[in-house]
Amino acid sequence: MKPLPNEVALGSLFDFIILVPLLTYFFIIRKRYSLKYLLPVALAGYGIAYLVVPNGLLSSYSFVKYLLFAGEAALLLLELYIVYKLITKIPAILKE
């Protein structure tokens, strides 16, 4: 068996972070839970991909370790945006 090319790591990472959570949502979660459970499934997919893909293949891409931090930063910015919207709507709510 020949050694795997480095692109296999990106393909597996893409599968575990994007495709597996989407399939999980459409086949399992959709009827019982809301879309907000998709992010924890994607984070779990990142963890599974980190365990399944050999470390030598993932270490050849320097951006992979920052992928989780970028996702967490995006989630934090979304939460701050929601808090901002709530704070700006409070005066209108109190007037009613």
C-alpha atoms as a PDB file:
ATOM      1  CA  MET A   1       0.000   0.000   0.000  1.00  0.00           C
ATOM      2  CA  LYS A   2       1.377   3.399  -0.961  1.00  0.00           C
ATOM      3  CA  PRO A   3       1.695   6.282   1.527  1.00  0.00           C
ATOM      4  CA  LEU A   4      -1.279   8.605   1.613  1.00  0.00           C
ATOM      5  CA  PRO A   5      -0.937  12.049   0.056  1.00  0.00           C
ATOM      6  CA  ASN A   6      -1.238  15.102   2.300  1.00  0.00           C
ATOM      7  CA  GLU A   7      -4.527  16.132   0.681  1.00  0.00           C
ATOM      8  CA  VAL A   8      -6.217  13.187   2.409  1.00  0.00           C
ATOM      9  CA  ALA A   9      -5.931  15.104   5.681  1.00  0.00           C
ATOM     10  CA  LEU A  10      -7.836  18.090   4.268  1.00  0.00           C
ATOM     11  CA  GLY A  11     -10.504  15.834   2.770  1.00  0.00           C
ATOM     12  CA  SER A  12     -11.015  14.007   6.060  1.00  0.00           C
ATOM     13  CA  LEU A  13     -11.077  17.279   7.979  1.00  0.00           C
ATOM     14  CA  PHE A  14     -13.689  18.656   5.565  1.00  0.00           C
ATOM     15  CA  ASP A  15     -15.774  15.501   5.973  1.00  0.00           C
ATOM     16  CA  PHE A  16     -15.689  15.502   9.751  1.00  0.00           C
ATOM     17  CA  ILE A  17     -16.226  19.242  10.251  1.00  0.00           C
ATOM     18  CA  ILE A  18     -18.809  20.020   7.556  1.00  0.00           C
ATOM     19  CA  LEU A  19     -20.398  16.946   6.007  1.00  0.00           C
ATOM     20  CA  VAL A  20     -20.829  14.741   9.064  1.00  0.00           C
ATOM     21  CA  PRO A  21     -22.528  17.488  11.150  1.00  0.00           C
ATOM     22  CA  LEU A  22     -24.827  18.379   8.245  1.00  0.00           C
ATOM     23  CA  LEU A  23     -25.787  14.763   7.697  1.00  0.00           C
ATOM     24  CA  THR A  24     -26.266  14.346  11.437  1.00  0.00           C
ATOM     25  CA  TYR A  25     -28.556  17.355  11.489  1.00  0.00           C
ATOM     26  CA  PHE A  26     -30.644  16.332   8.500  1.00  0.00           C
ATOM     27  CA  PHE A  27     -31.039  12.676   9.512  1.00  0.00           C
ATOM     28  CA  ILE A  28     -31.080  12.778  13.323  1.00  0.00           C
ATOM     29  CA  ILE A  29     -31.320  16.198  14.980  1.00  0.00           C
ATOM     30  CA  ARG A  30     -33.697  18.076  12.652  1.00  0.00           C
ATOM     31  CA  LYS A  31     -36.949  16.595  13.913  1.00  0.00           C
ATOM     32  CA  ARG A  32     -36.116  16.881  17.608  1.00  0.00           C
ATOM     33  CA  TYR A  33     -33.740  19.779  18.142  1.00  0.00           C
ATOM     34  CA  SER A  34     -32.963  23.167  16.643  1.00  0.00           C
ATOM     35  CA  LEU A  35     -30.077  24.219  14.426  1.00  0.00           C
ATOM     36  CA  LYS A  36     -28.062  25.487  17.398  1.00  0.00           C
ATOM     37  CA  TYR A  37     -26.874  21.947  18.146  1.00  0.00           C
ATOM     38  CA  LEU A  38     -24.997  21.852  14.855  1.00  0.00           C
ATOM     39  CA  LEU A  39     -21.955  23.731  16.222  1.00  0.00           C
ATOM     40  CA  PRO A  40     -21.219  21.225  19.018  1.00  0.00           C
ATOM     41  CA  VAL A  41     -21.502  18.420  16.482  1.00  0.00           C
ATOM     42  CA  ALA A  42     -19.013  20.247  14.230  1.00  0.00           C
ATOM     43  CA  LEU A  43     -16.613  20.699  17.159  1.00  0.00           C
ATOM     44  CA  ALA A  44     -16.942  17.007  17.954  1.00  0.00           C
ATOM     45  CA  GLY A  45     -16.201  16.291  14.289  1.00  0.00           C
ATOM     46  CA  TYR A  46     -13.028  18.370  14.570  1.00  0.00           C
ATOM     47  CA  GLY A  47     -11.975  16.313  17.584  1.00  0.00           C
ATOM     48  CA  ILE A  48     -12.717  13.032  15.824  1.00  0.00           C
ATOM     49  CA  ALA A  49     -10.822  14.171  12.728  1.00  0.00           C
ATOM     50  CA  TYR A  50      -7.853  15.104  14.890  1.00  0.00           C
ATOM     51  CA  LEU A  51      -7.874  11.598  16.365  1.00  0.00           C
ATOM     52  CA  VAL A  52      -8.513   9.685  13.129  1.00  0.00           C
ATOM     53  CA  VAL A  53      -6.160  11.473  10.727  1.00  0.00           C
ATOM     54  CA  PRO A  54      -2.502  10.668  11.391  1.00  0.00           C
ATOM     55  CA  ASN A  55      -0.709  13.562  13.057  1.00  0.00           C
ATOM     56  CA  GLY A  56       1.973  13.740  10.385  1.00  0.00           C
ATOM     57  CA  LEU A  57      -0.606  14.618   7.739  1.00  0.00           C
ATOM     58  CA  LEU A  58      -2.261  17.339   9.807  1.00  0.00           C
ATOM     59  CA  SER A  59       1.000  18.913  10.884  1.00  0.00           C
ATOM     60  CA  SER A  60       1.915  19.670   7.269  1.00  0.00           C
ATOM     61  CA  TYR A  61      -0.865  22.289   7.239  1.00  0.00           C
ATOM     62  CA  SER A  62      -0.178  25.086   9.689  1.00  0.00           C
ATOM     63  CA  PHE A  63      -3.717  26.540   9.598  1.00  0.00           C
ATOM     64  CA  VAL A  64      -5.419  23.411  10.945  1.00  0.00           C
ATOM     65  CA  LYS A  65      -4.555  24.129  14.559  1.00  0.00           C
ATOM     66  CA  TYR A  66      -6.037  27.623  14.239  1.00  0.00           C
ATOM     67  CA  LEU A  67      -9.280  26.361  12.704  1.00  0.00           C
ATOM     68  CA  LEU A  68     -10.824  25.606  16.087  1.00  0.00           C
ATOM     69  CA  PHE A  69      -9.832  29.016  17.444  1.00  0.00           C
ATOM     70  CA  ALA A  70     -11.346  30.745  14.412  1.00  0.00           C
ATOM     71  CA  GLY A  71     -14.619  28.885  14.936  1.00  0.00           C
ATOM     72  CA  GLU A  72     -14.657  29.837  18.590  1.00  0.00           C
ATOM     73  CA  ALA A  73     -13.948  33.481  17.728  1.00  0.00           C
ATOM     74  CA  ALA A  74     -16.805  33.485  15.211  1.00  0.00           C
ATOM     75  CA  LEU A  75     -19.145  32.078  17.846  1.00  0.00           C
ATOM     76  CA  LEU A  76     -18.019  34.732  20.336  1.00  0.00           C
ATOM     77  CA  LEU A  77     -18.626  37.502  17.793  1.00  0.00           C
ATOM     78  CA  LEU A  78     -22.089  36.127  17.093  1.00  0.00           C
ATOM     79  CA  GLU A  79     -22.884  36.112  20.805  1.00  0.00           C
ATOM     80  CA  LEU A  80     -21.636  39.692  21.189  1.00  0.00           C
ATOM     81  CA  TYR A  81     -23.793  40.760  18.235  1.00  0.00           C
ATOM     82  CA  ILE A  82     -26.860  39.173  19.840  1.00  0.00           C
ATOM     83  CA  VAL A  83     -26.131  40.922  23.145  1.00  0.00           C
ATOM     84  CA  TYR A  84     -25.719  44.232  21.289  1.00  0.00           C
ATOM     85  CA  LYS A  85     -29.059  43.781  19.537  1.00  0.00           C
ATOM     86  CA  LEU A  86     -30.762  42.952  22.836  1.00  0.00           C
ATOM     87  CA  ILE A  87     -29.303  46.002  24.563  1.00  0.00           C
ATOM     88  CA  THR A  88     -30.392  48.309  21.752  1.00  0.00           C
ATOM     89  CA  LYS A  89     -33.952  46.906  21.843  1.00  0.00           C
ATOM     90  CA  ILE A  90     -34.407  47.193  25.627  1.00  0.00           C
ATOM     91  CA  PRO A  91     -35.555  50.879  25.579  1.00  0.00           C
ATOM     92  CA  ALA A  92     -38.228  50.104  22.965  1.00  0.00           C
ATOM     93  CA  ILE A  93     -39.416  47.132  25.010  1.00  0.00           C
ATOM     94  CA  LEU A  94     -39.572  49.155  28.227  1.00  0.00           C
ATOM     95  CA  LYS A  95     -41.614  51.905  26.545  1.00  0.00           C
ATOM     96  CA  GLU A  96     -44.311  49.400  25.647  1.00  0.00           C
END
